[in-house]
Amino acid sequence: MLKHSHILRVWAAHNGDMGRLRGELLAYRQVAEERADAAAAHAQAAAREAAWRFSGVALEWSERFYRDEAARIDWLIDRLEGER
């Protein structure tokens, strides 16, 4: 079972305000992009040091994770707006 606070809000959206939900999702998307950018910057720094190779790979994974998360939020907003 996936427990994700924003998806739980979507699940219960029929009880709330869609404008507020959209705002929360956009804010979460912004955080995901910021985290992806930070991970990318750290990965670039790690690439300069051979001993940090594995840390760099983990940071690259983190960047991809957060970029994927932002893309899923875009998809989710499009999907919700299509349901109106």
PDB file of N, CA and C in Angstrom:
ATOM      1  N   MET A   1       0.847  -1.174   0.000  1.00  0.00           N
ATOM      2  CA  MET A   1       0.000   0.000   0.000  1.00  0.00           C
ATOM      3  C   MET A   1       0.893   1.238   0.000  1.00  0.00           C
ATOM      4  N   LEU A   2       0.605   2.155  -0.882  1.00  0.00           N
ATOM      5  CA  LEU A   2       1.333   3.415  -0.976  1.00  0.00           C
ATOM      6  C   LEU A   2       0.689   4.432  -0.041  1.00  0.00           C
ATOM      7  N   LYS A   3       1.493   4.989   0.812  1.00  0.00           N
ATOM      8  CA  LYS A   3       1.016   6.055   1.696  1.00  0.00           C
ATOM      9  C   LYS A   3       1.754   7.326   1.314  1.00  0.00           C
ATOM     10  N   HIS A   4       1.042   8.218   0.655  1.00  0.00           N
ATOM     11  CA  HIS A   4       1.609   9.458   0.157  1.00  0.00           C
ATOM     12  C   HIS A   4       0.626  10.560   0.524  1.00  0.00           C
ATOM     13  N   SER A   5       1.071  11.528   1.269  1.00  0.00           N
ATOM     14  CA  SER A   5       0.147  12.523   1.822  1.00  0.00           C
ATOM     15  C   SER A   5      -0.627  13.277   0.736  1.00  0.00           C
ATOM     16  N   HIS A   6       0.008  13.583  -0.371  1.00  0.00           N
ATOM     17  CA  HIS A   6      -0.701  14.321  -1.417  1.00  0.00           C
ATOM     18  C   HIS A   6      -1.706  13.442  -2.156  1.00  0.00           C
ATOM     19  N   ILE A   7      -1.387  12.190  -2.324  1.00  0.00           N
ATOM     20  CA  ILE A   7      -2.328  11.278  -2.974  1.00  0.00           C
ATOM     21  C   ILE A   7      -3.516  11.004  -2.053  1.00  0.00           C
ATOM     22  N   LEU A   8      -3.269  10.966  -0.769  1.00  0.00           N
ATOM     23  CA  LEU A   8      -4.385  10.818   0.172  1.00  0.00           C
ATOM     24  C   LEU A   8      -5.314  12.024   0.079  1.00  0.00           C
ATOM     25  N   ARG A   9      -4.754  13.207  -0.149  1.00  0.00           N
ATOM     26  CA  ARG A   9      -5.600  14.400  -0.331  1.00  0.00           C
ATOM     27  C   ARG A   9      -6.445  14.274  -1.597  1.00  0.00           C
ATOM     28  N   VAL A  10      -5.836  13.730  -2.652  1.00  0.00           N
ATOM     29  CA  VAL A  10      -6.592  13.512  -3.894  1.00  0.00           C
ATOM     30  C   VAL A  10      -7.704  12.506  -3.646  1.00  0.00           C
ATOM     31  N   TRP A  11      -7.373  11.433  -2.956  1.00  0.00           N
ATOM     32  CA  TRP A  11      -8.341  10.381  -2.659  1.00  0.00           C
ATOM     33  C   TRP A  11      -9.568  10.951  -1.946  1.00  0.00           C
ATOM     34  N   ALA A  12      -9.328  11.939  -1.081  1.00  0.00           N
ATOM     35  CA  ALA A  12     -10.429  12.528  -0.312  1.00  0.00           C
ATOM     36  C   ALA A  12     -10.866  13.883  -0.872  1.00  0.00           C
ATOM     37  N   ALA A  13     -10.492  14.197  -2.100  1.00  0.00           N
ATOM     38  CA  ALA A  13     -10.765  15.525  -2.676  1.00  0.00           C
ATOM     39  C   ALA A  13     -12.243  15.850  -2.785  1.00  0.00           C
ATOM     40  N   HIS A  14     -13.071  14.840  -2.858  1.00  0.00           N
ATOM     41  CA  HIS A  14     -14.510  15.104  -2.948  1.00  0.00           C
ATOM     42  C   HIS A  14     -15.028  15.822  -1.698  1.00  0.00           C
ATOM     43  N   ASN A  15     -14.245  15.811  -0.632  1.00  0.00           N
ATOM     44  CA  ASN A  15     -14.637  16.476   0.611  1.00  0.00           C
ATOM     45  C   ASN A  15     -14.081  17.894   0.735  1.00  0.00           C
ATOM     46  N   GLY A  16     -13.306  18.326  -0.246  1.00  0.00           N
ATOM     47  CA  GLY A  16     -12.622  19.605  -0.084  1.00  0.00           C
ATOM     48  C   GLY A  16     -12.717  20.516  -1.284  1.00  0.00           C
ATOM     49  N   ASP A  17     -11.839  21.479  -1.293  1.00  0.00           N
ATOM     50  CA  ASP A  17     -11.794  22.519  -2.307  1.00  0.00           C
ATOM     51  C   ASP A  17     -10.739  22.163  -3.352  1.00  0.00           C
ATOM     52  N   MET A  18     -11.141  22.035  -4.609  1.00  0.00           N
ATOM     53  CA  MET A  18     -10.216  21.644  -5.671  1.00  0.00           C
ATOM     54  C   MET A  18      -9.161  22.722  -5.928  1.00  0.00           C
ATOM     55  N   GLY A  19      -9.512  23.975  -5.768  1.00  0.00           N
ATOM     56  CA  GLY A  19      -8.536  25.047  -5.938  1.00  0.00           C
ATOM     57  C   GLY A  19      -7.419  24.957  -4.911  1.00  0.00           C
ATOM     58  N   ARG A  20      -7.801  24.666  -3.697  1.00  0.00           N
ATOM     59  CA  ARG A  20      -6.801  24.507  -2.633  1.00  0.00           C
ATOM     60  C   ARG A  20      -5.920  23.294  -2.907  1.00  0.00           C
ATOM     61  N   LEU A  21      -6.536  22.188  -3.329  1.00  0.00           N
ATOM     62  CA  LEU A  21      -5.772  20.983  -3.648  1.00  0.00           C
ATOM     63  C   LEU A  21      -4.771  21.273  -4.760  1.00  0.00           C
ATOM     64  N   ARG A  22      -5.227  21.957  -5.800  1.00  0.00           N
ATOM     65  CA  ARG A  22      -4.326  22.297  -6.913  1.00  0.00           C
ATOM     66  C   ARG A  22      -3.154  23.129  -6.408  1.00  0.00           C
ATOM     67  N   GLY A  23      -3.418  24.091  -5.554  1.00  0.00           N
ATOM     68  CA  GLY A  23      -2.355  24.918  -4.984  1.00  0.00           C
ATOM     69  C   GLY A  23      -1.355  24.103  -4.184  1.00  0.00           C
ATOM     70  N   GLU A  24      -1.861  23.161  -3.400  1.00  0.00           N
ATOM     71  CA  GLU A  24      -0.978  22.294  -2.616  1.00  0.00           C
ATOM     72  C   GLU A  24      -0.122  21.421  -3.527  1.00  0.00           C
ATOM     73  N   LEU A  25      -0.733  20.914  -4.596  1.00  0.00           N
ATOM     74  CA  LEU A  25       0.020  20.086  -5.532  1.00  0.00           C
ATOM     75  C   LEU A  25       1.093  20.900  -6.248  1.00  0.00           C
ATOM     76  N   LEU A  26       0.771  22.123  -6.630  1.00  0.00           N
ATOM     77  CA  LEU A  26       1.772  22.976  -7.283  1.00  0.00           C
ATOM     78  C   LEU A  26       2.916  23.321  -6.337  1.00  0.00           C
ATOM     79  N   ALA A  27       2.602  23.544  -5.075  1.00  0.00           N
ATOM     80  CA  ALA A  27       3.649  23.820  -4.087  1.00  0.00           C
ATOM     81  C   ALA A  27       4.544  22.594  -3.909  1.00  0.00           C
ATOM     82  N   TYR A  28       3.930  21.421  -3.852  1.00  0.00           N
ATOM     83  CA  TYR A  28       4.695  20.180  -3.729  1.00  0.00           C
ATOM     84  C   TYR A  28       5.577  19.964  -4.957  1.00  0.00           C
ATOM     85  N   ARG A  29       5.050  20.299  -6.137  1.00  0.00           N
ATOM     86  CA  ARG A  29       5.829  20.181  -7.364  1.00  0.00           C
ATOM     87  C   ARG A  29       7.054  21.079  -7.303  1.00  0.00           C
ATOM     88  N   GLN A  30       6.879  22.294  -6.810  1.00  0.00           N
ATOM     89  CA  GLN A  30       8.004  23.232  -6.682  1.00  0.00           C
ATOM     90  C   GLN A  30       9.078  22.667  -5.750  1.00  0.00           C
ATOM     91  N   VAL A  31       8.668  22.087  -4.655  1.00  0.00           N
ATOM     92  CA  VAL A  31       9.619  21.471  -3.720  1.00  0.00           C
ATOM     93  C   VAL A  31      10.370  20.332  -4.410  1.00  0.00           C
ATOM     94  N   ALA A  32       9.668  19.518  -5.177  1.00  0.00           N
ATOM     95  CA  ALA A  32      10.309  18.412  -5.892  1.00  0.00           C
ATOM     96  C   ALA A  32      11.356  18.939  -6.871  1.00  0.00           C
ATOM     97  N   GLU A  33      11.032  20.004  -7.595  1.00  0.00           N
ATOM     98  CA  GLU A  33      11.991  20.593  -8.533  1.00  0.00           C
ATOM     99  C   GLU A  33      13.212  21.149  -7.797  1.00  0.00           C
ATOM    100  N   GLU A  34      12.974  21.811  -6.678  1.00  0.00           N
ATOM    101  CA  GLU A  34      14.087  22.356  -5.891  1.00  0.00           C
ATOM    102  C   GLU A  34      14.986  21.240  -5.375  1.00  0.00           C
ATOM    103  N   ARG A  35      14.394  20.155  -4.923  1.00  0.00           N
ATOM    104  CA  ARG A  35      15.190  19.024  -4.441  1.00  0.00           C
ATOM    105  C   ARG A  35      15.960  18.365  -5.580  1.00  0.00           C
ATOM    106  N   ALA A  36      15.344  18.287  -6.755  1.00  0.00           N
ATOM    107  CA  ALA A  36      16.039  17.733  -7.922  1.00  0.00           C
ATOM    108  C   ALA A  36      17.228  18.609  -8.293  1.00  0.00           C
ATOM    109  N   ASP A  37      17.031  19.912  -8.290  1.00  0.00           N
ATOM    110  CA  ASP A  37      18.122  20.828  -8.608  1.00  0.00           C
ATOM    111  C   ASP A  37      19.267  20.697  -7.605  1.00  0.00           C
ATOM    112  N   ALA A  38      18.921  20.595  -6.332  1.00  0.00           N
ATOM    113  CA  ALA A  38      19.950  20.457  -5.302  1.00  0.00           C
ATOM    114  C   ALA A  38      20.712  19.142  -5.462  1.00  0.00           C
ATOM    115  N   ALA A  39      19.998  18.070  -5.731  1.00  0.00           N
ATOM    116  CA  ALA A  39      20.656  16.775  -5.920  1.00  0.00           C
ATOM    117  C   ALA A  39      21.580  16.809  -7.128  1.00  0.00           C
ATOM    118  N   ALA A  40      21.146  17.475  -8.197  1.00  0.00           N
ATOM    119  CA  ALA A  40      21.973  17.585  -9.401  1.00  0.00           C
ATOM    120  C   ALA A  40      23.253  18.355  -9.101  1.00  0.00           C
ATOM    121  N   ALA A  41      23.130  19.428  -8.362  1.00  0.00           N
ATOM    122  CA  ALA A  41      24.310  20.224  -8.008  1.00  0.00           C
ATOM    123  C   ALA A  41      25.281  19.405  -7.157  1.00  0.00           C
ATOM    124  N   HIS A  42      24.758  18.669  -6.204  1.00  0.00           N
ATOM    125  CA  HIS A  42      25.614  17.832  -5.360  1.00  0.00           C
ATOM    126  C   HIS A  42      26.244  16.701  -6.168  1.00  0.00           C
ATOM    127  N   ALA A  43      25.504  16.149  -7.110  1.00  0.00           N
ATOM    128  CA  ALA A  43      26.048  15.078  -7.961  1.00  0.00           C
ATOM    129  C   ALA A  43      27.201  15.605  -8.806  1.00  0.00           C
ATOM    130  N   GLN A  44      27.056  16.810  -9.310  1.00  0.00           N
ATOM    131  CA  GLN A  44      28.146  17.407 -10.091  1.00  0.00           C
ATOM    132  C   GLN A  44      29.379  17.611  -9.225  1.00  0.00           C
ATOM    133  N   ALA A  45      29.173  18.035  -8.001  1.00  0.00           N
ATOM    134  CA  ALA A  45      30.298  18.206  -7.083  1.00  0.00           C
ATOM    135  C   ALA A  45      30.941  16.858  -6.765  1.00  0.00           C
ATOM    136  N   ALA A  46      30.130  15.838  -6.570  1.00  0.00           N
ATOM    137  CA  ALA A  46      30.660  14.503  -6.260  1.00  0.00           C
ATOM    138  C   ALA A  46      31.458  13.935  -7.424  1.00  0.00           C
ATOM    139  N   ALA A  47      31.092  14.314  -8.649  1.00  0.00           N
ATOM    140  CA  ALA A  47      31.787  13.793  -9.829  1.00  0.00           C
ATOM    141  C   ALA A  47      33.244  14.244  -9.884  1.00  0.00           C
ATOM    142  N   ARG A  48      33.580  15.281  -9.156  1.00  0.00           N
ATOM    143  CA  ARG A  48      34.952  15.791  -9.153  1.00  0.00           C
ATOM    144  C   ARG A  48      35.877  14.988  -8.256  1.00  0.00           C
ATOM    145  N   GLU A  49      35.307  14.088  -7.466  1.00  0.00           N
ATOM    146  CA  GLU A  49      36.102  13.321  -6.498  1.00  0.00           C
ATOM    147  C   GLU A  49      35.826  11.832  -6.676  1.00  0.00           C
ATOM    148  N   ALA A  50      36.829  11.075  -7.090  1.00  0.00           N
ATOM    149  CA  ALA A  50      36.649   9.641  -7.377  1.00  0.00           C
ATOM    150  C   ALA A  50      36.096   8.870  -6.171  1.00  0.00           C
ATOM    151  N   ALA A  51      36.486   9.252  -4.987  1.00  0.00           N
ATOM    152  CA  ALA A  51      36.030   8.547  -3.785  1.00  0.00           C
ATOM    153  C   ALA A  51      34.527   8.727  -3.544  1.00  0.00           C
ATOM    154  N   TRP A  52      33.922   9.701  -4.201  1.00  0.00           N
ATOM    155  CA  TRP A  52      32.502   9.981  -4.016  1.00  0.00           C
ATOM    156  C   TRP A  52      31.648   9.393  -5.134  1.00  0.00           C
ATOM    157  N   ARG A  53      32.216   8.452  -5.882  1.00  0.00           N
ATOM    158  CA  ARG A  53      31.514   7.876  -7.034  1.00  0.00           C
ATOM    159  C   ARG A  53      30.125   7.346  -6.664  1.00  0.00           C
ATOM    160  N   PHE A  54      30.064   6.543  -5.606  1.00  0.00           N
ATOM    161  CA  PHE A  54      28.782   5.932  -5.233  1.00  0.00           C
ATOM    162  C   PHE A  54      27.813   6.969  -4.686  1.00  0.00           C
ATOM    163  N   SER A  55      28.339   7.940  -3.970  1.00  0.00           N
ATOM    164  CA  SER A  55      27.477   9.035  -3.511  1.00  0.00           C
ATOM    165  C   SER A  55      26.904   9.785  -4.699  1.00  0.00           C
ATOM    166  N   GLY A  56      27.728   9.977  -5.720  1.00  0.00           N
ATOM    167  CA  GLY A  56      27.274  10.656  -6.926  1.00  0.00           C
ATOM    168  C   GLY A  56      26.154   9.913  -7.623  1.00  0.00           C
ATOM    169  N   VAL A  57      26.292   8.588  -7.682  1.00  0.00           N
ATOM    170  CA  VAL A  57      25.237   7.780  -8.307  1.00  0.00           C
ATOM    171  C   VAL A  57      23.943   7.904  -7.506  1.00  0.00           C
ATOM    172  N   ALA A  58      24.042   7.858  -6.197  1.00  0.00           N
ATOM    173  CA  ALA A  58      22.848   8.008  -5.354  1.00  0.00           C
ATOM    174  C   ALA A  58      22.211   9.382  -5.559  1.00  0.00           C
ATOM    175  N   LEU A  59      23.035  10.397  -5.720  1.00  0.00           N
ATOM    176  CA  LEU A  59      22.515  11.746  -5.956  1.00  0.00           C
ATOM    177  C   LEU A  59      21.862  11.855  -7.324  1.00  0.00           C
ATOM    178  N   GLU A  60      22.435  11.198  -8.326  1.00  0.00           N
ATOM    179  CA  GLU A  60      21.806  11.179  -9.644  1.00  0.00           C
ATOM    180  C   GLU A  60      20.438  10.503  -9.569  1.00  0.00           C
ATOM    181  N   TRP A  61      20.366   9.411  -8.801  1.00  0.00           N
ATOM    182  CA  TRP A  61      19.086   8.723  -8.605  1.00  0.00           C
ATOM    183  C   TRP A  61      18.086   9.678  -7.953  1.00  0.00           C
ATOM    184  N   SER A  62      18.544  10.416  -6.945  1.00  0.00           N
ATOM    185  CA  SER A  62      17.667  11.363  -6.254  1.00  0.00           C
ATOM    186  C   SER A  62      17.139  12.420  -7.207  1.00  0.00           C
ATOM    187  N   GLU A  63      18.018  12.936  -8.057  1.00  0.00           N
ATOM    188  CA  GLU A  63      17.563  13.935  -9.022  1.00  0.00           C
ATOM    189  C   GLU A  63      16.470  13.353  -9.911  1.00  0.00           C
ATOM    190  N   ARG A  64      16.699  12.152 -10.432  1.00  0.00           N
ATOM    191  CA  ARG A  64      15.695  11.514 -11.289  1.00  0.00           C
ATOM    192  C   ARG A  64      14.386  11.285 -10.536  1.00  0.00           C
ATOM    193  N   PHE A  65      14.491  10.835  -9.292  1.00  0.00           N
ATOM    194  CA  PHE A  65      13.303  10.585  -8.479  1.00  0.00           C
ATOM    195  C   PHE A  65      12.459  11.848  -8.373  1.00  0.00           C
ATOM    196  N   TYR A  66      13.082  12.964  -8.006  1.00  0.00           N
ATOM    197  CA  TYR A  66      12.326  14.198  -7.814  1.00  0.00           C
ATOM    198  C   TYR A  66      11.820  14.781  -9.129  1.00  0.00           C
ATOM    199  N   ARG A  67      12.568  14.632 -10.226  1.00  0.00           N
ATOM    200  CA  ARG A  67      12.062  15.081 -11.532  1.00  0.00           C
ATOM    201  C   ARG A  67      10.851  14.231 -11.940  1.00  0.00           C
ATOM    202  N   ASP A  68      10.944  12.923 -11.682  1.00  0.00           N
ATOM    203  CA  ASP A  68       9.796  12.051 -11.965  1.00  0.00           C
ATOM    204  C   ASP A  68       8.593  12.436 -11.107  1.00  0.00           C
ATOM    205  N   GLU A  69       8.845  12.751  -9.856  1.00  0.00           N
ATOM    206  CA  GLU A  69       7.765  13.155  -8.952  1.00  0.00           C
ATOM    207  C   GLU A  69       7.086  14.422  -9.476  1.00  0.00           C
ATOM    208  N   ALA A  70       7.876  15.399  -9.924  1.00  0.00           N
ATOM    209  CA  ALA A  70       7.314  16.637 -10.481  1.00  0.00           C
ATOM    210  C   ALA A  70       6.480  16.324 -11.720  1.00  0.00           C
ATOM    211  N   ALA A  71       6.964  15.428 -12.566  1.00  0.00           N
ATOM    212  CA  ALA A  71       6.210  15.046 -13.768  1.00  0.00           C
ATOM    213  C   ALA A  71       4.903  14.347 -13.397  1.00  0.00           C
ATOM    214  N   ARG A  72       4.938  13.529 -12.346  1.00  0.00           N
ATOM    215  CA  ARG A  72       3.704  12.864 -11.902  1.00  0.00           C
ATOM    216  C   ARG A  72       2.698  13.883 -11.370  1.00  0.00           C
ATOM    217  N   ILE A  73       3.182  14.923 -10.718  1.00  0.00           N
ATOM    218  CA  ILE A  73       2.278  15.970 -10.235  1.00  0.00           C
ATOM    219  C   ILE A  73       1.650  16.697 -11.425  1.00  0.00           C
ATOM    220  N   ASP A  74       2.439  16.979 -12.465  1.00  0.00           N
ATOM    221  CA  ASP A  74       1.879  17.589 -13.681  1.00  0.00           C
ATOM    222  C   ASP A  74       0.774  16.704 -14.250  1.00  0.00           C
ATOM    223  N   TRP A  75       1.061  15.414 -14.349  1.00  0.00           N
ATOM    224  CA  TRP A  75       0.077  14.458 -14.863  1.00  0.00           C
ATOM    225  C   TRP A  75      -1.181  14.470 -13.986  1.00  0.00           C
ATOM    226  N   LEU A  76      -0.969  14.468 -12.684  1.00  0.00           N
ATOM    227  CA  LEU A  76      -2.086  14.423 -11.741  1.00  0.00           C
ATOM    228  C   LEU A  76      -2.971  15.664 -11.876  1.00  0.00           C
ATOM    229  N   ILE A  77      -2.355  16.826 -11.971  1.00  0.00           N
ATOM    230  CA  ILE A  77      -3.132  18.062 -12.121  1.00  0.00           C
ATOM    231  C   ILE A  77      -3.914  18.026 -13.431  1.00  0.00           C
ATOM    232  N   ASP A  78      -3.256  17.595 -14.515  1.00  0.00           N
ATOM    233  CA  ASP A  78      -3.966  17.485 -15.800  1.00  0.00           C
ATOM    234  C   ASP A  78      -5.145  16.539 -15.683  1.00  0.00           C
ATOM    235  N   ARG A  79      -4.948  15.445 -15.018  1.00  0.00           N
ATOM    236  CA  ARG A  79      -5.995  14.426 -14.843  1.00  0.00           C
ATOM    237  C   ARG A  79      -7.158  14.974 -14.031  1.00  0.00           C
ATOM    238  N   LEU A  80      -6.834  15.669 -12.947  1.00  0.00           N
ATOM    239  CA  LEU A  80      -7.886  16.237 -12.089  1.00  0.00           C
ATOM    240  C   LEU A  80      -8.658  17.325 -12.810  1.00  0.00           C
ATOM    241  N   GLU A  81      -7.951  18.140 -13.569  1.00  0.00           N
ATOM    242  CA  GLU A  81      -8.647  19.207 -14.294  1.00  0.00           C
ATOM    243  C   GLU A  81      -9.499  18.644 -15.422  1.00  0.00           C
ATOM    244  N   GLY A  82      -9.130  17.499 -15.946  1.00  0.00           N
ATOM    245  CA  GLY A  82      -9.934  16.843 -16.969  1.00  0.00           C
ATOM    246  C   GLY A  82     -11.196  16.212 -16.408  1.00  0.00           C
ATOM    247  N   GLU A  83     -11.265  16.056 -15.109  1.00  0.00           N
ATOM    248  CA  GLU A  83     -12.418  15.421 -14.447  1.00  0.00           C
ATOM    249  C   GLU A  83     -13.524  16.407 -14.134  1.00  0.00           C
ATOM    250  N   ARG A  84     -13.289  17.671 -14.355  1.00  0.00           N
ATOM    251  CA  ARG A  84     -14.314  18.678 -14.004  1.00  0.00           C
ATOM    252  C   ARG A  84     -15.535  18.549 -14.846  1.00  0.00           C
TER     253      ARG A  84
END
